[in-house]
Amino acid sequence: MLGTIRRVGQLLDLFDEHHPEWGVTEVARALQVSKSSAHALLRSLATIGLLEQLPNSRYRLGWRTLALGSVLLTSSGIAGIARPAIDNLAKTSGETVNLAVLERGHVIFIERQPGAGGRFASAVPIGTPLPFHCSAVGKVLLAHRPPAEAQALLRTAAGFDRFTRNTITDKQRFQAELEQVRRQGYAFNLMEAFDNVCCVAAPVKNSLGLVVAAIGLSMPTHRFERHRDYYISALLAATRRVSAELGWEAETGGVA
């Protein structure tokens, strides 16, 4: 039973924006199982709505996955707790605010609030898995994982794709960046995912002091360069507020 559940997870992981459809033979090859086993898995998931069989006999994600994702996003405790601080930060800064978590080595935005001037950096849909190396929230989340887990994620990363000329693609340089994030308490994305868009992010902690999410503040580069200190201060105030709601008690002089 556990083996079957694990195989279902591996099958669902195959579907992404670059590979939205899969055939039986492709699934069998990717999962290293027989075509009959692949067909049985695909048909079973289609029966319960997690997949949909197309007229050409290929499969794509079913609408039930969207319904489940909507339930998760609307019922997420941390999103509800963080929402007032996120809304206030977007209002006072005028910039886009994102709440993100780390899920199996990928960054996932679970809440977003655009500010009056924050139409930038909102092209990534909520719930879309993203690589961690090109975002400020990803750096924050990975920097605060246990060292062994962070190293394992770095080892198993397929590659550090380049999205802009500023994207960090060297793992040693990225590790040095994570050390800097741990020391200063926040991370920057300096046009590493999108041209002319910068971001600063900081961690959200629970009552045990564990980082459970990150809040990122995104803006066009020219505003970031003019108001960097203000953005950092406003962001840290917001993350401290959310962390306090989760039961974290900051040490005197500490940052969230």
Protein backbone atom coordinates (compact mmCIF):
# COMPACT_ATOMS: atom_id res chain seq x y z
CA MET A 1 0.00 0.00 0.00
CA LEU A 2 2.76 2.47 0.97
CA GLY A 3 4.59 1.64 -2.24
CA THR A 4 1.49 2.42 -4.29
CA ILE A 5 0.94 5.74 -2.50
CA ARG A 6 4.58 6.66 -3.09
CA ARG A 7 4.19 5.81 -6.77
CA VAL A 8 1.08 7.99 -7.03
CA GLY A 9 3.07 10.89 -5.57
CA GLN A 10 5.86 10.32 -8.09
CA LEU A 11 3.32 10.25 -10.90
CA LEU A 12 1.66 13.51 -9.86
CA ASP A 13 5.10 15.14 -9.56
CA LEU A 14 5.64 14.55 -13.29
CA PHE A 15 3.04 17.17 -14.19
CA ASP A 16 4.36 20.74 -14.37
CA GLU A 17 4.10 23.76 -16.65
CA HIS A 18 6.72 22.30 -19.01
CA HIS A 19 5.12 18.83 -19.10
CA PRO A 20 1.35 19.35 -18.64
CA GLU A 21 0.40 16.13 -20.50
CA TRP A 22 1.73 12.58 -20.27
CA GLY A 23 1.12 9.35 -22.15
CA VAL A 24 1.23 5.82 -20.78
CA THR A 25 4.58 4.94 -22.37
CA GLU A 26 6.19 8.17 -21.13
CA VAL A 27 4.94 7.59 -17.59
CA ALA A 28 6.17 3.99 -17.61
CA ARG A 29 9.61 5.15 -18.71
CA ALA A 30 9.77 8.01 -16.21
CA LEU A 31 8.67 5.87 -13.25
CA GLN A 32 10.53 2.77 -14.46
CA VAL A 33 7.44 0.58 -14.27
CA SER A 34 5.63 -1.58 -16.80
CA LYS A 35 3.18 -0.01 -19.22
CA SER A 36 0.34 -1.98 -17.62
CA SER A 37 1.23 -0.56 -14.18
CA ALA A 38 1.48 2.97 -15.58
CA HIS A 39 -1.87 2.59 -17.32
CA ALA A 40 -3.51 1.30 -14.12
CA LEU A 41 -2.17 4.26 -12.10
CA LEU A 42 -3.30 6.79 -14.69
CA ARG A 43 -6.77 5.28 -15.01
CA SER A 44 -7.23 5.09 -11.23
CA LEU A 45 -6.34 8.76 -10.76
CA ALA A 46 -8.59 9.74 -13.67
CA THR A 47 -11.47 7.84 -12.05
CA ILE A 48 -11.27 10.01 -8.91
CA GLY A 49 -10.75 13.25 -10.82
CA LEU A 50 -7.10 13.92 -10.02
CA LEU A 51 -6.28 13.33 -13.69
CA GLU A 52 -8.25 13.76 -16.90
CA GLN A 53 -7.88 11.56 -19.97
CA LEU A 54 -7.80 13.53 -23.19
CA PRO A 55 -9.24 12.40 -26.57
CA ASN A 56 -5.71 11.56 -27.73
CA SER A 57 -5.39 9.12 -24.76
CA ARG A 58 -2.89 11.33 -22.97
CA TYR A 59 -3.49 12.59 -19.44
CA ARG A 60 -3.41 15.96 -17.72
CA LEU A 61 -4.25 17.12 -14.19
CA GLY A 62 -7.94 16.98 -13.38
CA TRP A 63 -10.08 19.78 -12.03
CA ARG A 64 -10.23 18.12 -8.62
CA THR A 65 -6.61 19.13 -8.02
CA LEU A 66 -7.66 22.77 -8.40
CA ALA A 67 -10.50 22.29 -5.93
CA LEU A 68 -8.16 20.67 -3.39
CA GLY A 69 -5.61 23.45 -3.87
CA SER A 70 -8.28 26.06 -3.27
CA VAL A 71 -9.31 24.35 -0.02
CA LEU A 72 -5.70 24.25 1.14
CA LEU A 73 -5.07 27.92 0.38
CA THR A 74 -8.25 29.15 2.02
CA SER A 75 -7.85 26.95 5.10
CA SER A 76 -4.12 27.44 5.66
CA GLY A 77 -3.72 28.62 9.23
CA ILE A 78 -0.53 30.58 8.64
CA ALA A 79 -2.04 32.41 5.66
CA GLY A 80 -4.98 33.55 7.75
CA ILE A 81 -2.75 34.65 10.61
CA ALA A 82 -0.37 36.52 8.28
CA ARG A 83 -3.03 38.18 6.15
CA PRO A 84 -3.58 41.34 8.26
CA ALA A 85 0.15 42.08 8.43
CA ILE A 86 0.54 41.36 4.72
CA ASP A 87 -2.36 43.64 3.82
CA ASN A 88 -0.96 46.40 6.01
CA LEU A 89 2.54 46.06 4.54
CA ALA A 90 1.17 46.24 0.99
CA LYS A 91 -0.88 49.31 1.89
CA THR A 92 1.90 51.22 3.64
CA SER A 93 4.69 50.32 1.20
CA GLY A 94 2.64 50.37 -1.98
CA GLU A 95 4.42 47.19 -3.13
CA THR A 96 3.54 43.57 -3.78
CA VAL A 97 3.75 41.30 -0.73
CA ASN A 98 4.03 37.51 -0.96
CA LEU A 99 3.84 34.80 1.70
CA ALA A 100 5.78 31.68 0.75
CA VAL A 101 6.58 28.22 2.10
CA LEU A 102 9.09 25.55 1.12
CA GLU A 103 7.56 22.31 -0.12
CA ARG A 104 9.83 19.44 -1.20
CA GLY A 105 12.57 21.74 -2.36
CA HIS A 106 10.35 24.23 -4.15
CA VAL A 107 9.07 27.64 -3.15
CA ILE A 108 5.29 28.01 -3.22
CA PHE A 109 3.48 31.33 -2.84
CA ILE A 110 0.38 30.79 -0.71
CA GLU A 111 -0.78 34.38 -0.23
CA ARG A 112 -0.29 37.63 -2.13
CA GLN A 113 -1.39 41.23 -1.75
CA PRO A 114 -0.45 43.82 -4.40
CA GLY A 115 0.10 47.39 -3.29
CA ALA A 116 -0.93 50.53 -5.16
CA GLY A 117 2.35 50.50 -7.08
CA GLY A 118 3.00 46.78 -6.81
CA ARG A 119 1.86 45.36 -10.12
CA PHE A 120 5.39 44.05 -10.55
CA ALA A 121 6.46 40.46 -9.79
CA SER A 122 2.88 39.17 -9.64
CA ALA A 123 3.09 37.07 -12.80
CA VAL A 124 3.77 33.86 -10.82
CA PRO A 125 0.44 32.18 -9.96
CA ILE A 126 -0.32 31.26 -6.35
CA GLY A 127 0.53 27.60 -5.74
CA THR A 128 3.06 27.27 -8.57
CA PRO A 129 6.24 25.41 -7.50
CA LEU A 130 9.29 27.59 -8.10
CA PRO A 131 13.05 27.00 -7.78
CA PHE A 132 14.54 28.37 -4.58
CA HIS A 133 17.77 29.82 -5.96
CA CYS A 134 16.34 32.87 -7.78
CA SER A 135 14.05 34.33 -5.13
CA ALA A 136 14.56 36.15 -1.85
CA VAL A 137 11.90 34.03 -0.12
CA GLY A 138 13.61 30.89 -1.39
CA LYS A 139 16.94 31.99 0.05
CA VAL A 140 15.32 32.74 3.41
CA LEU A 141 13.51 29.42 3.57
CA LEU A 142 16.54 27.35 2.58
CA ALA A 143 18.96 29.29 4.79
CA HIS A 144 16.92 28.37 7.85
CA ARG A 145 16.47 24.69 7.14
CA PRO A 146 18.62 22.24 9.16
CA PRO A 147 22.11 22.10 7.57
CA ALA A 148 21.80 18.45 6.53
CA GLU A 149 18.45 19.09 4.83
CA ALA A 150 19.71 22.22 3.08
CA GLN A 151 22.77 20.38 1.81
CA ALA A 152 20.61 17.51 0.56
CA LEU A 153 18.38 19.94 -1.35
CA LEU A 154 21.41 21.59 -2.89
CA ARG A 155 22.85 18.22 -3.92
CA THR A 156 19.64 16.99 -5.48
CA ALA A 157 18.77 20.25 -7.27
CA ALA A 158 18.65 19.46 -10.97
CA GLY A 159 20.44 22.67 -11.83
CA PHE A 160 20.45 26.36 -11.14
CA ASP A 161 18.74 27.66 -14.26
CA ARG A 162 19.57 31.19 -15.36
CA PHE A 163 16.55 33.48 -15.62
CA THR A 164 18.41 36.79 -15.91
CA ARG A 165 22.05 37.82 -16.09
CA ASN A 166 21.95 38.28 -12.30
CA THR A 167 20.71 34.78 -11.43
CA ILE A 168 23.09 32.91 -9.15
CA THR A 169 23.93 29.67 -10.96
CA ASP A 170 27.00 28.59 -8.97
CA LYS A 171 26.20 26.42 -5.93
CA GLN A 172 29.22 27.58 -3.92
CA ARG A 173 28.30 31.20 -4.46
CA PHE A 174 24.72 30.38 -3.49
CA GLN A 175 25.87 28.71 -0.28
CA ALA A 176 27.83 31.86 0.58
CA GLU A 177 24.64 33.85 -0.04
CA LEU A 178 22.76 31.61 2.41
CA GLU A 179 25.38 32.28 5.07
CA GLN A 180 24.88 36.00 4.55
CA VAL A 181 21.12 35.58 4.87
CA ARG A 182 21.51 33.75 8.18
CA ARG A 183 23.77 36.49 9.53
CA GLN A 184 21.70 39.52 8.53
CA GLY A 185 18.21 38.08 8.98
CA TYR A 186 16.84 38.83 5.52
CA ALA A 187 17.57 38.12 1.86
CA PHE A 188 17.66 40.05 -1.39
CA ASN A 189 16.68 39.11 -4.92
CA LEU A 190 18.49 41.63 -7.07
CA MET A 191 16.88 41.15 -10.49
CA GLU A 192 17.64 37.42 -10.29
CA ALA A 193 14.23 36.15 -11.43
CA PHE A 194 12.91 39.05 -13.51
CA ASP A 195 14.70 42.01 -15.06
CA ASN A 196 14.13 45.31 -13.25
CA VAL A 197 12.39 43.66 -10.27
CA CYS A 198 13.97 43.36 -6.82
CA CYS A 199 12.73 41.75 -3.63
CA VAL A 200 13.62 41.62 0.03
CA ALA A 201 12.37 38.75 2.21
CA ALA A 202 12.51 37.78 5.88
CA PRO A 203 11.52 34.70 7.89
CA VAL A 204 8.37 33.99 9.86
CA LYS A 205 8.98 31.92 13.00
CA ASN A 206 6.71 29.80 15.17
CA SER A 207 6.69 29.43 18.95
CA LEU A 208 9.73 27.14 18.80
CA GLY A 209 11.73 29.63 16.77
CA LEU A 210 11.49 27.47 13.64
CA VAL A 211 11.12 29.24 10.30
CA VAL A 212 7.78 28.12 8.85
CA ALA A 213 7.35 30.69 6.07
CA ALA A 214 8.84 33.79 4.51
CA ILE A 215 7.35 37.13 3.57
CA GLY A 216 8.72 38.89 0.51
CA LEU A 217 8.30 42.47 -0.61
CA SER A 218 8.76 43.03 -4.37
CA MET A 219 9.20 46.27 -6.25
CA PRO A 220 10.82 47.77 -9.39
CA THR A 221 14.55 48.21 -9.11
CA HIS A 222 14.52 52.01 -9.16
CA ARG A 223 12.27 52.16 -6.08
CA PHE A 224 14.28 49.49 -4.31
CA GLU A 225 17.50 51.43 -4.79
CA ARG A 226 15.94 54.64 -3.42
CA HIS A 227 14.09 53.16 -0.45
CA ARG A 228 16.01 49.98 0.45
CA ASP A 229 16.34 50.77 4.17
CA TYR A 230 12.65 51.61 4.49
CA TYR A 231 11.61 48.37 2.80
CA ILE A 232 13.84 46.30 5.09
CA SER A 233 12.53 48.02 8.21
CA ALA A 234 8.88 47.70 7.18
CA LEU A 235 9.30 44.05 6.21
CA LEU A 236 11.02 43.09 9.47
CA ALA A 237 8.26 44.79 11.44
CA ALA A 238 5.69 42.72 9.55
CA THR A 239 7.51 39.41 10.05
CA ARG A 240 7.97 40.13 13.75
CA ARG A 241 4.23 40.80 14.01
CA VAL A 242 3.29 37.54 12.30
CA SER A 243 5.88 35.56 14.26
CA ALA A 244 4.50 36.98 17.50
CA GLU A 245 1.01 35.86 16.46
CA LEU A 246 2.46 32.36 16.06
CA GLY A 247 3.89 32.50 19.56
CA TRP A 248 7.50 33.47 18.90
CA GLU A 249 9.07 35.72 21.48
CA ALA A 250 11.87 37.81 19.99
CA GLU A 251 15.05 38.25 21.97
CA THR A 252 15.99 41.84 22.78
CA GLY A 253 17.68 43.35 19.75
CA GLY A 254 16.86 40.36 17.55
CA VAL A 255 15.21 40.32 14.16
CA ALA A 256 12.51 38.05 12.81
